[in-house]
Each structure stands twice: as C-alpha cells, then as structure tokens.
Amino acid sequence: MIIKPFLLVAFVFVAFISCKNAVDDSSRVELITVEDMDSLLKMEKVQLVDVRTPEEYAEGHIEGAININFNDDNFVDLIAKVDKSKPVAVYCGRGGRSGRCSAYMKKAGFTKIYDLDGGITEWKFKGKKIAR
C-alpha cells in the first residue's frame, strides 16, 4: 500500500519540475544571425536596443535602434523603460556587451530576447546599411 502514495508523490514532483522548466524556456536568449535580425526588423516584431556607448552609436547604428549604454551607471534604470512583454533584439560591437545585457534582461523578466551574433561588426560585414 505504500507504493500508491509514493507513485502519487513522484508524479506530482515530475509534473512540478516539468512546469518549472517550461516557464524557464519561455524567457531564453536566442543568438541570431544578421539575416534573422534583418527579417525581424522588416516584420517590425522587435524593440531594437544598441548597448554600445553614445559615441559608438553616433558613428553608425542599425536603423530604428535606441541607444542604452550597457556601461552607463544608470543602465538598470534605462533598460527598465523597455517593455518586458515584447520581444527585444540587442546588439553591440561584436557580441560581448549584448551577451551580458541579454543575461541581465533574462534575469529581469524580459520574455523574449534576441542577441545579434557578431554585433554591428557582422552587420556591416554582411553589407547591411547603417544609420548615422
């Protein structure tokens, strides 16, 4: 008779773990290519954030990007103004800062985060235009 309660407890535990993992997967960071980013921007499905310095941003950025400097002392306050419930695409120079920003955003509760693999360097290398 001890087997039935044990099976019930085991089933509930497995169900709980499965639900927890399903929730965690919904807020994952997806590393995307230049082509993927271009498609997302054409469909206007993302908020675009350039996490480089204002000086780097002024030298050229992807059209439609807002600049939130990852190294700014007010970064946490500034990124909090971005809508967490809508998809966000981030990029930097090559991928380091955007990777750290994406990890922070995931912990902060952003639901969908895209990180441009290779950053704006790869964007330019692929011949995509930049705004000034």
C-alpha atoms as a PDB file:
ATOM      1  CA  MET A   1       0.000   0.000   0.000  1.00  0.00           C
ATOM      2  CA  ILE A   2       2.986   2.341   0.422  1.00  0.00           C
ATOM      3  CA  ILE A   3       3.632   2.166  -3.322  1.00  0.00           C
ATOM      4  CA  LYS A   4       0.497   4.133  -4.321  1.00  0.00           C
ATOM      5  CA  PRO A   5       1.285   7.232  -2.194  1.00  0.00           C
ATOM      6  CA  PHE A   6       4.913   7.054  -3.332  1.00  0.00           C
ATOM      7  CA  LEU A   7       3.830   6.994  -7.007  1.00  0.00           C
ATOM      8  CA  LEU A   8       1.487   9.929  -6.429  1.00  0.00           C
ATOM      9  CA  VAL A   9       4.277  11.991  -4.812  1.00  0.00           C
ATOM     10  CA  ALA A  10       6.682  11.062  -7.617  1.00  0.00           C
ATOM     11  CA  PHE A  11       4.107  12.037 -10.273  1.00  0.00           C
ATOM     12  CA  VAL A  12       3.419  15.423  -8.634  1.00  0.00           C
ATOM     13  CA  PHE A  13       7.155  16.102  -8.336  1.00  0.00           C
ATOM     14  CA  VAL A  14       7.773  15.305 -12.025  1.00  0.00           C
ATOM     15  CA  ALA A  15       4.808  17.445 -13.076  1.00  0.00           C
ATOM     16  CA  PHE A  16       6.092  20.353 -10.972  1.00  0.00           C
ATOM     17  CA  ILE A  17       9.599  20.141 -12.446  1.00  0.00           C
ATOM     18  CA  SER A  18       8.184  19.941 -15.978  1.00  0.00           C
ATOM     19  CA  CYS A  19       6.088  23.062 -15.465  1.00  0.00           C
ATOM     20  CA  LYS A  20       9.028  24.947 -13.977  1.00  0.00           C
ATOM     21  CA  ASN A  21      11.231  24.106 -16.973  1.00  0.00           C
ATOM     22  CA  ALA A  22       8.506  25.177 -19.403  1.00  0.00           C
ATOM     23  CA  VAL A  23       8.374  28.605 -17.740  1.00  0.00           C
ATOM     24  CA  ASP A  24      12.169  28.974 -17.785  1.00  0.00           C
ATOM     25  CA  ASP A  25      12.330  28.145 -21.511  1.00  0.00           C
ATOM     26  CA  SER A  26       9.949  30.980 -22.399  1.00  0.00           C
ATOM     27  CA  SER A  27      12.477  33.629 -21.362  1.00  0.00           C
ATOM     28  CA  ARG A  28      15.524  32.253 -23.106  1.00  0.00           C
ATOM     29  CA  VAL A  29      18.033  34.274 -25.104  1.00  0.00           C
ATOM     30  CA  GLU A  30      18.279  33.403 -28.775  1.00  0.00           C
ATOM     31  CA  LEU A  31      21.525  34.135 -30.601  1.00  0.00           C
ATOM     32  CA  ILE A  32      20.535  35.211 -34.122  1.00  0.00           C
ATOM     33  CA  THR A  33      22.276  35.836 -37.437  1.00  0.00           C
ATOM     34  CA  VAL A  34      22.323  39.053 -39.429  1.00  0.00           C
ATOM     35  CA  GLU A  35      19.735  37.535 -41.765  1.00  0.00           C
ATOM     36  CA  ASP A  36      17.461  36.650 -38.834  1.00  0.00           C
ATOM     37  CA  MET A  37      17.795  40.182 -37.441  1.00  0.00           C
ATOM     38  CA  ASP A  38      17.032  41.694 -40.841  1.00  0.00           C
ATOM     39  CA  SER A  39      13.849  39.586 -41.091  1.00  0.00           C
ATOM     40  CA  LEU A  40      12.716  40.537 -37.573  1.00  0.00           C
ATOM     41  CA  LEU A  41      13.236  44.225 -38.326  1.00  0.00           C
ATOM     42  CA  LYS A  42      11.338  44.035 -41.621  1.00  0.00           C
ATOM     43  CA  MET A  43       8.392  42.425 -39.817  1.00  0.00           C
ATOM     44  CA  GLU A  44       8.626  45.115 -37.096  1.00  0.00           C
ATOM     45  CA  LYS A  45       8.353  42.405 -34.455  1.00  0.00           C
ATOM     46  CA  VAL A  46      11.047  43.614 -32.022  1.00  0.00           C
ATOM     47  CA  GLN A  47      12.243  46.515 -29.960  1.00  0.00           C
ATOM     48  CA  LEU A  48      15.834  47.173 -31.072  1.00  0.00           C
ATOM     49  CA  VAL A  49      18.454  48.173 -28.483  1.00  0.00           C
ATOM     50  CA  ASP A  50      22.062  49.174 -29.215  1.00  0.00           C
ATOM     51  CA  VAL A  51      24.032  48.710 -25.986  1.00  0.00           C
ATOM     52  CA  ARG A  52      27.223  50.441 -27.157  1.00  0.00           C
ATOM     53  CA  THR A  53      28.441  53.837 -25.956  1.00  0.00           C
ATOM     54  CA  PRO A  54      26.783  57.006 -27.295  1.00  0.00           C
ATOM     55  CA  GLU A  55      29.973  57.742 -29.247  1.00  0.00           C
ATOM     56  CA  GLU A  56      29.883  54.325 -30.954  1.00  0.00           C
ATOM     57  CA  TYR A  57      26.160  54.744 -31.646  1.00  0.00           C
ATOM     58  CA  ALA A  58      26.770  58.162 -33.261  1.00  0.00           C
ATOM     59  CA  GLU A  59      29.352  56.611 -35.619  1.00  0.00           C
ATOM     60  CA  GLY A  60      26.614  54.379 -37.053  1.00  0.00           C
ATOM     61  CA  HIS A  61      23.837  52.139 -35.823  1.00  0.00           C
ATOM     62  CA  ILE A  62      21.077  49.896 -37.140  1.00  0.00           C
ATOM     63  CA  GLU A  63      18.055  51.922 -38.244  1.00  0.00           C
ATOM     64  CA  GLY A  64      15.417  52.162 -35.519  1.00  0.00           C
ATOM     65  CA  ALA A  65      17.720  51.255 -32.621  1.00  0.00           C
ATOM     66  CA  ILE A  66      17.562  53.068 -29.315  1.00  0.00           C
ATOM     67  CA  ASN A  67      20.860  53.539 -27.507  1.00  0.00           C
ATOM     68  CA  ILE A  68      21.140  52.233 -23.945  1.00  0.00           C
ATOM     69  CA  ASN A  69      24.807  52.118 -22.967  1.00  0.00           C
ATOM     70  CA  PHE A  70      25.460  48.863 -21.104  1.00  0.00           C
ATOM     71  CA  ASN A  71      28.359  50.508 -19.245  1.00  0.00           C
ATOM     72  CA  ASP A  72      26.288  53.514 -18.105  1.00  0.00           C
ATOM     73  CA  ASP A  73      25.831  53.902 -14.348  1.00  0.00           C
ATOM     74  CA  ASN A  74      22.067  54.224 -14.992  1.00  0.00           C
ATOM     75  CA  PHE A  75      21.821  51.135 -17.216  1.00  0.00           C
ATOM     76  CA  VAL A  76      19.403  49.291 -14.920  1.00  0.00           C
ATOM     77  CA  ASP A  77      17.021  52.266 -14.820  1.00  0.00           C
ATOM     78  CA  LEU A  78      17.260  52.824 -18.577  1.00  0.00           C
ATOM     79  CA  ILE A  79      16.691  49.194 -19.598  1.00  0.00           C
ATOM     80  CA  ALA A  80      13.702  49.062 -17.214  1.00  0.00           C
ATOM     81  CA  LYS A  81      11.932  51.507 -19.567  1.00  0.00           C
ATOM     82  CA  VAL A  82      11.904  48.865 -22.344  1.00  0.00           C
ATOM     83  CA  ASP A  83       8.684  46.821 -22.488  1.00  0.00           C
ATOM     84  CA  LYS A  84       9.466  43.412 -20.945  1.00  0.00           C
ATOM     85  CA  SER A  85       6.417  41.782 -22.506  1.00  0.00           C
ATOM     86  CA  LYS A  86       7.506  42.463 -26.102  1.00  0.00           C
ATOM     87  CA  PRO A  87      10.429  40.828 -27.948  1.00  0.00           C
ATOM     88  CA  VAL A  88      13.726  42.718 -27.726  1.00  0.00           C
ATOM     89  CA  ALA A  89      16.742  42.455 -30.016  1.00  0.00           C
ATOM     90  CA  VAL A  90      20.074  43.691 -28.680  1.00  0.00           C
ATOM     91  CA  TYR A  91      23.456  44.229 -30.261  1.00  0.00           C
ATOM     92  CA  CYS A  92      26.818  45.819 -29.557  1.00  0.00           C
ATOM     93  CA  GLY A  93      30.147  45.941 -31.366  1.00  0.00           C
ATOM     94  CA  ARG A  94      30.898  42.220 -31.570  1.00  0.00           C
ATOM     95  CA  GLY A  95      28.679  40.444 -29.044  1.00  0.00           C
ATOM     96  CA  GLY A  96      30.272  40.722 -25.604  1.00  0.00           C
ATOM     97  CA  ARG A  97      28.215  43.520 -24.098  1.00  0.00           C
ATOM     98  CA  SER A  98      24.996  42.376 -25.750  1.00  0.00           C
ATOM     99  CA  GLY A  99      25.566  38.887 -24.325  1.00  0.00           C
ATOM    100  CA  ARG A 100      25.930  40.283 -20.812  1.00  0.00           C
ATOM    101  CA  CYS A 101      22.948  42.582 -21.374  1.00  0.00           C
ATOM    102  CA  SER A 102      20.835  39.646 -22.597  1.00  0.00           C
ATOM    103  CA  ALA A 103      21.716  37.634 -19.494  1.00  0.00           C
ATOM    104  CA  TYR A 104      20.691  40.565 -17.296  1.00  0.00           C
ATOM    105  CA  MET A 105      17.437  41.047 -19.221  1.00  0.00           C
ATOM    106  CA  LYS A 106      16.573  37.371 -18.833  1.00  0.00           C
ATOM    107  CA  LYS A 107      17.015  37.622 -15.047  1.00  0.00           C
ATOM    108  CA  ALA A 108      14.998  40.869 -15.050  1.00  0.00           C
ATOM    109  CA  GLY A 109      11.996  39.097 -16.580  1.00  0.00           C
ATOM    110  CA  PHE A 110      12.102  40.024 -20.261  1.00  0.00           C
ATOM    111  CA  THR A 111      10.033  37.432 -22.123  1.00  0.00           C
ATOM    112  CA  LYS A 112      11.878  37.137 -25.460  1.00  0.00           C
ATOM    113  CA  ILE A 113      15.426  38.298 -26.133  1.00  0.00           C
ATOM    114  CA  TYR A 114      17.367  38.107 -29.389  1.00  0.00           C
ATOM    115  CA  ASP A 115      21.125  38.763 -29.403  1.00  0.00           C
ATOM    116  CA  LEU A 116      22.818  39.598 -32.729  1.00  0.00           C
ATOM    117  CA  ASP A 117      25.735  37.201 -33.204  1.00  0.00           C
ATOM    118  CA  GLY A 118      28.816  39.245 -34.129  1.00  0.00           C
ATOM    119  CA  GLY A 119      27.117  42.572 -33.394  1.00  0.00           C
ATOM    120  CA  ILE A 120      27.207  45.550 -35.708  1.00  0.00           C
ATOM    121  CA  THR A 121      30.614  44.404 -36.980  1.00  0.00           C
ATOM    122  CA  GLU A 122      28.954  41.365 -38.571  1.00  0.00           C
ATOM    123  CA  TRP A 123      26.002  43.515 -39.720  1.00  0.00           C
ATOM    124  CA  LYS A 124      28.390  45.803 -41.663  1.00  0.00           C
ATOM    125  CA  PHE A 125      30.448  42.842 -42.946  1.00  0.00           C
ATOM    126  CA  LYS A 126      27.273  41.392 -44.481  1.00  0.00           C
ATOM    127  CA  GLY A 127      26.720  44.681 -46.325  1.00  0.00           C
ATOM    128  CA  LYS A 128      23.717  45.888 -44.318  1.00  0.00           C
ATOM    129  CA  LYS A 129      23.197  49.618 -44.113  1.00  0.00           C
ATOM    130  CA  ILE A 130      23.696  51.686 -41.007  1.00  0.00           C
ATOM    131  CA  ALA A 131      22.128  54.966 -39.935  1.00  0.00           C
ATOM    132  CA  ARG A 132      24.018  57.973 -38.598  1.00  0.00           C
END
